[in-house]
Protein backbone atom coordinates (compact mmCIF):
# COMPACT_ATOMS: atom_id res chain seq x y z
CA MET A 1 37.32 153.38 56.29
CA LYS A 2 40.93 152.27 55.80
CA LYS A 3 41.85 153.74 59.16
CA LYS A 4 39.15 151.70 60.87
CA ILE A 5 40.35 148.48 59.22
CA LYS A 6 43.94 149.21 60.19
CA GLY A 7 42.74 149.85 63.72
CA TYR A 8 41.22 146.35 63.92
CA LEU A 9 44.39 144.72 62.50
CA LYS A 10 46.79 146.58 64.73
CA PHE A 11 48.27 144.48 67.57
CA THR A 12 50.05 145.53 70.68
CA PRO A 13 53.53 144.02 71.29
CA GLY A 14 52.06 141.61 73.89
CA GLU A 15 49.26 140.43 71.57
CA MET A 16 51.76 139.87 68.77
CA ARG A 17 53.97 137.68 70.97
CA GLY A 18 50.93 135.63 72.07
CA LEU A 19 49.83 135.16 68.47
CA ILE A 20 53.29 133.93 67.44
CA VAL A 21 53.41 131.42 70.31
CA PHE A 22 49.90 130.15 69.45
CA LEU A 23 50.80 129.59 65.76
CA PHE A 24 54.00 127.84 66.81
CA LEU A 25 52.13 125.39 69.01
CA ILE A 26 49.64 124.57 66.24
CA ALA A 27 52.53 123.85 63.87
CA ILE A 28 54.16 121.49 66.38
CA ILE A 29 50.89 119.59 66.94
CA MET A 30 50.37 119.13 63.19
CA ILE A 31 53.94 117.99 62.48
CA ALA A 32 54.40 115.73 65.54
CA PRO A 33 52.59 112.58 64.18
CA TYR A 34 54.68 112.54 61.00
CA VAL A 35 57.94 112.96 62.91
CA TRP A 36 56.94 110.19 65.37
CA ASP A 37 56.11 107.72 62.61
CA LYS A 38 59.34 108.44 60.75
CA PHE A 39 61.73 107.90 63.65
CA ASN A 40 59.89 105.24 65.73
CA TYR A 41 58.02 103.01 63.23
CA GLN A 42 59.36 99.50 63.27
CA PRO A 43 57.41 97.00 61.13
CA ILE A 44 56.58 93.75 62.91
CA LYS A 45 57.83 90.74 61.04
CA ILE A 46 55.62 87.68 61.53
CA THR A 47 57.58 84.49 61.05
CA VAL A 48 57.18 80.89 62.07
CA GLU A 49 60.04 81.39 64.53
CA ASN A 50 58.16 84.21 66.22
CA LEU A 51 54.97 82.16 66.56
CA GLU A 52 56.60 78.87 67.59
CA PRO A 53 56.41 79.50 71.38
CA GLN A 54 52.72 80.37 71.12
CA ILE A 55 52.04 77.30 68.97
CA LYS A 56 53.70 75.03 71.50
CA GLU A 57 51.72 76.63 74.32
CA ILE A 58 48.42 76.05 72.46
CA GLU A 59 49.33 72.43 71.69
CA GLY A 60 50.15 71.78 75.34
CA PHE A 61 46.91 73.40 76.48
CA LYS A 62 44.99 71.26 73.98
CA ASP A 63 46.57 68.03 75.25
CA LYS A 64 45.95 69.00 78.85
CA ASN A 65 42.26 69.90 78.52
CA HIS A 66 41.22 67.49 75.73
CA PHE A 67 39.50 70.16 73.72
CA TYR A 68 39.84 67.94 70.68
CA ASP A 69 38.29 64.76 72.07
CA ASP A 70 36.35 64.10 68.88
CA GLU A 71 39.55 64.29 66.84
CA GLU A 72 41.60 62.23 69.30
CA ASN A 73 38.91 59.56 69.61
CA SER A 74 38.18 59.35 65.91
CA ASN A 75 40.30 56.20 65.71
CA VAL A 76 38.59 54.58 68.71
CA ALA A 77 36.01 51.99 67.70
CA LYS A 78 32.50 53.02 68.77
CA PRO A 79 30.09 50.33 70.00
CA LYS A 80 27.91 49.04 67.23
CA VAL A 81 24.17 49.76 67.59
CA GLN A 82 22.15 46.58 68.11
CA LEU A 83 18.41 46.92 67.67
CA PHE A 84 16.26 44.27 69.35
CA ASN A 85 12.77 43.93 70.85
CA PHE A 86 12.78 45.37 74.37
CA ASN A 87 10.59 46.47 77.25
CA PRO A 88 11.86 49.87 78.43
CA ASN A 89 10.80 49.14 82.01
CA ASN A 90 13.78 48.02 84.09
CA LEU A 91 16.02 47.73 81.01
CA SER A 92 19.69 47.60 82.04
CA LEU A 93 22.22 50.32 81.36
CA GLN A 94 24.19 48.06 79.02
CA ASN A 95 21.12 47.24 76.92
CA TRP A 96 20.20 50.92 76.56
CA MET A 97 23.74 51.54 75.32
CA LYS A 98 23.45 48.64 72.89
CA LEU A 99 20.40 50.40 71.44
CA GLY A 100 22.58 53.39 70.65
CA LEU A 101 22.22 55.64 73.70
CA SER A 102 25.24 57.14 75.40
CA GLU A 103 26.08 56.19 78.97
CA LYS A 104 24.86 59.61 80.15
CA GLN A 105 21.52 59.21 78.34
CA ALA A 106 21.06 55.69 79.68
CA ASN A 107 21.83 56.82 83.24
CA SER A 108 19.16 59.54 82.94
CA ILE A 109 16.54 56.91 82.11
CA ILE A 110 17.70 54.60 84.92
CA SER A 111 17.47 57.57 87.33
CA TYR A 112 13.93 58.36 86.08
CA GLU A 113 12.81 54.79 86.89
CA ALA A 114 14.56 54.85 90.27
CA LYS A 115 12.40 57.85 91.23
CA GLY A 116 9.20 55.95 90.43
CA GLY A 117 8.95 56.63 86.71
CA LYS A 118 7.09 54.07 84.61
CA PHE A 119 6.71 53.50 80.88
CA ARG A 120 3.05 52.62 80.30
CA SER A 121 3.09 53.20 76.55
CA LYS A 122 5.40 54.06 73.68
CA ALA A 123 4.36 57.68 74.10
CA ASP A 124 5.99 57.69 77.56
CA VAL A 125 9.30 56.69 75.95
CA LYS A 126 8.94 59.50 73.42
CA LYS A 127 8.56 62.02 76.28
CA MET A 128 12.07 61.28 77.58
CA PHE A 129 14.10 64.40 76.74
CA VAL A 130 17.32 62.36 76.33
CA ILE A 131 15.77 60.46 73.40
CA SER A 132 15.60 62.57 70.27
CA ALA A 133 12.69 62.36 67.83
CA GLU A 134 14.94 60.63 65.28
CA LYS A 135 16.13 58.09 67.83
CA PHE A 136 12.56 57.36 68.96
CA GLU A 137 11.50 56.67 65.35
CA GLU A 138 14.37 54.20 65.13
CA LEU A 139 13.46 52.45 68.40
CA GLU A 140 9.64 52.57 68.20
CA PRO A 141 9.14 49.32 66.17
CA TYR A 142 11.13 47.42 68.79
CA ILE A 143 9.37 48.74 71.92
CA GLN A 144 7.15 46.11 73.54
CA ILE A 145 5.02 47.07 76.55
CA ALA A 146 2.33 44.64 77.69
CA GLU A 147 -1.05 46.39 77.88
CA THR A 148 -1.95 44.62 81.11
CA GLU A 149 1.42 45.13 82.77
CA VAL A 150 0.49 48.20 84.80
CA SER A 151 -3.03 47.07 85.69
CA ASN A 152 -1.81 43.65 86.81
CA LYS A 153 0.66 45.20 89.20
CA LYS A 154 -1.88 47.67 90.52
CA PHE A 155 -4.41 44.96 91.40
CA ASP A 156 -2.09 42.05 92.14
CA TYR A 157 -3.34 41.36 95.66
CA PRO A 158 -2.39 38.20 97.60
CA SER A 159 -4.93 35.40 97.26
CA ARG A 160 -5.69 35.51 100.99
CA ASN A 161 -7.28 38.94 100.54
CA LEU A 162 -9.76 37.82 97.90
CA ASN A 163 -12.25 36.69 100.54
CA TYR A 164 -12.18 40.00 102.43
CA PRO A 165 -15.48 41.90 102.30
CA LYS A 166 -15.31 44.91 99.97
CA ASN A 167 -16.41 48.30 101.29
CA VAL A 168 -18.68 49.21 98.36
CA LYS A 169 -21.72 51.47 98.76
CA GLU A 170 -25.01 50.17 97.50
CA LYS A 171 -26.70 52.20 94.78
CA VAL A 172 -29.23 54.68 96.19
CA MET A 173 -31.54 57.39 94.87
CA VAL A 174 -31.26 60.71 96.72
CA GLU A 175 -33.39 63.82 96.27
CA ILE A 176 -30.58 66.31 96.36
CA ASN A 177 -32.41 69.49 97.39
CA SER A 178 -33.80 67.99 100.60
CA ALA A 179 -30.77 65.85 101.52
CA ASP A 180 -28.43 66.69 104.37
CA SER A 181 -24.70 65.93 104.41
CA ILE A 182 -25.15 62.46 105.91
CA THR A 183 -27.69 61.50 103.25
CA LEU A 184 -25.42 62.80 100.50
CA THR A 185 -22.56 60.57 101.66
CA THR A 186 -24.72 57.51 100.96
CA ILE A 187 -24.22 58.27 97.25
CA SER A 188 -21.47 56.10 95.80
CA GLY A 189 -18.58 58.42 94.95
CA VAL A 190 -19.56 61.18 97.39
CA GLY A 191 -17.60 61.51 100.62
CA PRO A 192 -17.82 64.13 103.38
CA SER A 193 -15.81 66.67 101.37
CA PHE A 194 -17.99 66.46 98.26
CA ALA A 195 -21.13 66.42 100.40
CA SER A 196 -20.04 69.68 102.05
CA ARG A 197 -19.35 71.33 98.68
CA ILE A 198 -22.70 70.23 97.25
CA LEU A 199 -24.57 71.63 100.25
CA LYS A 200 -22.75 74.97 100.10
CA TYR A 201 -23.47 75.38 96.40
CA LYS A 202 -27.10 74.31 96.86
CA ASN A 203 -27.56 76.98 99.54
CA ARG A 204 -26.08 79.67 97.28
CA LEU A 205 -28.40 78.64 94.45
CA GLY A 206 -31.47 78.13 96.58
CA GLY A 207 -31.66 74.59 95.27
CA PHE A 208 -30.79 72.62 92.14
CA ASN A 209 -33.12 73.01 89.19
CA HIS A 210 -31.43 70.26 87.16
CA ILE A 211 -28.89 67.55 87.99
CA ASN A 212 -26.50 68.96 85.36
CA GLN A 213 -25.89 71.84 87.76
CA LEU A 214 -23.84 69.41 89.84
CA ARG A 215 -21.09 69.94 87.24
CA GLU A 216 -20.77 73.48 88.61
CA VAL A 217 -19.74 72.21 92.05
CA TYR A 218 -16.00 72.54 92.57
CA GLY A 219 -14.22 69.19 92.06
CA ILE A 220 -17.04 67.41 90.21
CA ASP A 221 -15.61 66.76 86.77
CA SER A 222 -17.14 64.72 83.95
CA LEU A 223 -16.01 61.38 85.42
CA LYS A 224 -17.37 62.14 88.89
CA PHE A 225 -20.66 63.39 87.42
CA GLU A 226 -21.10 60.21 85.38
CA GLN A 227 -20.49 58.20 88.54
CA ILE A 228 -23.19 59.91 90.63
CA LYS A 229 -25.79 61.21 88.16
CA ASN A 230 -27.90 58.03 88.25
CA GLN A 231 -28.08 58.15 92.04
CA VAL A 232 -29.64 61.59 92.40
CA ARG A 233 -32.88 63.30 91.45
CA VAL A 234 -34.10 66.90 91.65
CA ASP A 235 -37.42 68.10 93.06
CA GLY A 236 -38.10 71.67 91.92
CA ALA A 237 -40.62 72.13 94.72
CA ASN A 238 -37.73 72.42 97.16
CA ILE A 239 -36.19 75.45 95.42
CA ALA A 240 -36.07 78.72 97.40
CA PHE A 241 -37.24 81.43 94.99
CA ILE A 242 -36.10 85.05 94.92
CA ASN A 243 -38.81 87.73 94.72
CA ILE A 244 -37.29 90.07 92.15
CA ASN A 245 -39.38 93.03 93.40
CA ASP A 246 -38.56 92.60 97.10
CA CYS A 247 -35.02 91.23 97.14
CA THR A 248 -32.06 93.28 98.36
CA PHE A 249 -28.62 93.69 96.88
CA GLU A 250 -27.21 91.57 99.75
CA GLN A 251 -29.44 88.66 98.69
CA LEU A 252 -28.50 88.90 95.02
CA LYS A 253 -24.75 89.31 95.37
CA THR A 254 -24.32 85.75 96.73
CA PHE A 255 -26.27 84.22 93.85
CA PRO A 256 -23.68 82.29 91.78
CA TYR A 257 -25.06 83.27 88.36
CA LEU A 258 -24.87 87.02 88.96
CA ALA A 259 -21.76 89.19 89.12
CA TYR A 260 -21.50 92.15 91.50
CA LYS A 261 -22.31 94.73 88.79
CA GLN A 262 -25.23 92.69 87.46
CA SER A 263 -26.80 92.43 90.92
CA ASN A 264 -26.38 96.16 91.38
CA ALA A 265 -27.93 96.85 87.95
CA ILE A 266 -31.05 94.80 88.78
CA ILE A 267 -31.67 96.79 91.96
CA ALA A 268 -30.90 100.12 90.25
CA TYR A 269 -33.31 99.39 87.35
CA ARG A 270 -36.10 98.55 89.80
CA LYS A 271 -35.55 101.80 91.73
CA GLN A 272 -35.57 103.82 88.52
CA HIS A 273 -38.43 102.14 86.59
CA GLY A 274 -40.52 100.49 89.28
CA ASN A 275 -41.35 96.82 89.85
CA TYR A 276 -40.59 94.18 87.25
CA LYS A 277 -43.79 93.02 85.54
CA ASN A 278 -42.45 89.99 83.65
CA PRO A 279 -39.16 88.33 82.59
CA ALA A 280 -39.01 90.52 79.47
CA ASP A 281 -38.17 93.50 81.67
CA LEU A 282 -34.83 91.89 82.53
CA SER A 283 -33.77 92.04 78.88
CA LYS A 284 -33.89 95.85 79.15
CA ILE A 285 -30.84 95.75 81.41
CA ALA A 286 -27.88 96.02 79.05
CA ILE A 287 -25.46 94.23 81.37
CA LEU A 288 -27.60 91.06 81.43
CA ASN A 289 -27.20 88.84 78.38
CA ALA A 290 -29.69 86.21 77.24
CA GLU A 291 -27.63 83.33 78.68
CA THR A 292 -27.54 84.86 82.16
CA ILE A 293 -31.27 85.62 82.10
CA GLN A 294 -32.00 82.02 81.09
CA LYS A 295 -29.98 80.75 84.07
CA ILE A 296 -31.60 82.96 86.69
CA LEU A 297 -35.27 82.78 85.55
CA PRO A 298 -36.00 79.42 87.27
CA TYR A 299 -35.13 81.10 90.59
CA LEU A 300 -37.08 84.34 90.21
CA LYS A 301 -40.61 85.18 91.32
CA PHE A 302 -42.39 88.21 89.79
């Protein structure tokens, strides 16, 4: 056993020399940092004299670039804020500055008006991004905008034009399902564009069942509907019905109240279960909700 151990610990002359060199290098690496610090360490002494050139350079840079404008201008008298009743429209730059706005803020407002901006209410002043919420609260009691100012300018026509005939359509009553585009344009508030949209939607529906369906026409909002609703009437006899047991998918897919999958489901249910006997059969199609069924029933024939 001892002979085996001695055999493992026995080195040849070459191995011994390599081992000595390796240990020597490790010793040098471990000692080197301590020797370097001892012979080359020179503590840096920070004194005012050492920093004086840097201080002068910073002071010169400050004076050149005015980084300390607030400090330098602290002794300059700022204009005193003067609050007074004012109309923000066409107010001069000097008066905006008297109210406490900077020249840059005032110029922004002047530029806004030069591009066609108009203050029609106090809320319009509040929307100006250069006026903070606090500043608006301070100015609000002094803002005076005449309620009729905008409307007077909009309708301030020369007196010589007052006798000109006005191109105003007379009130009519049009049955909308039988009307063509020319007849539709006789309705006050309906031009060729709206007439074309109404006709296209009527053809997709097969006819209007109620005048409220005009709200579904693109471009007819609440105001437009209120303008024309008393000039139209609906005759249900002019509706083109869909025979639910004979119709094709091509006929259903253009119907505005049915989506692609719903149209497909109606045809598929009929193929699988036979003809529809009554409206209750539609409720058996999971993809059709009660609201959709209510919309399409006036157009279906069983």
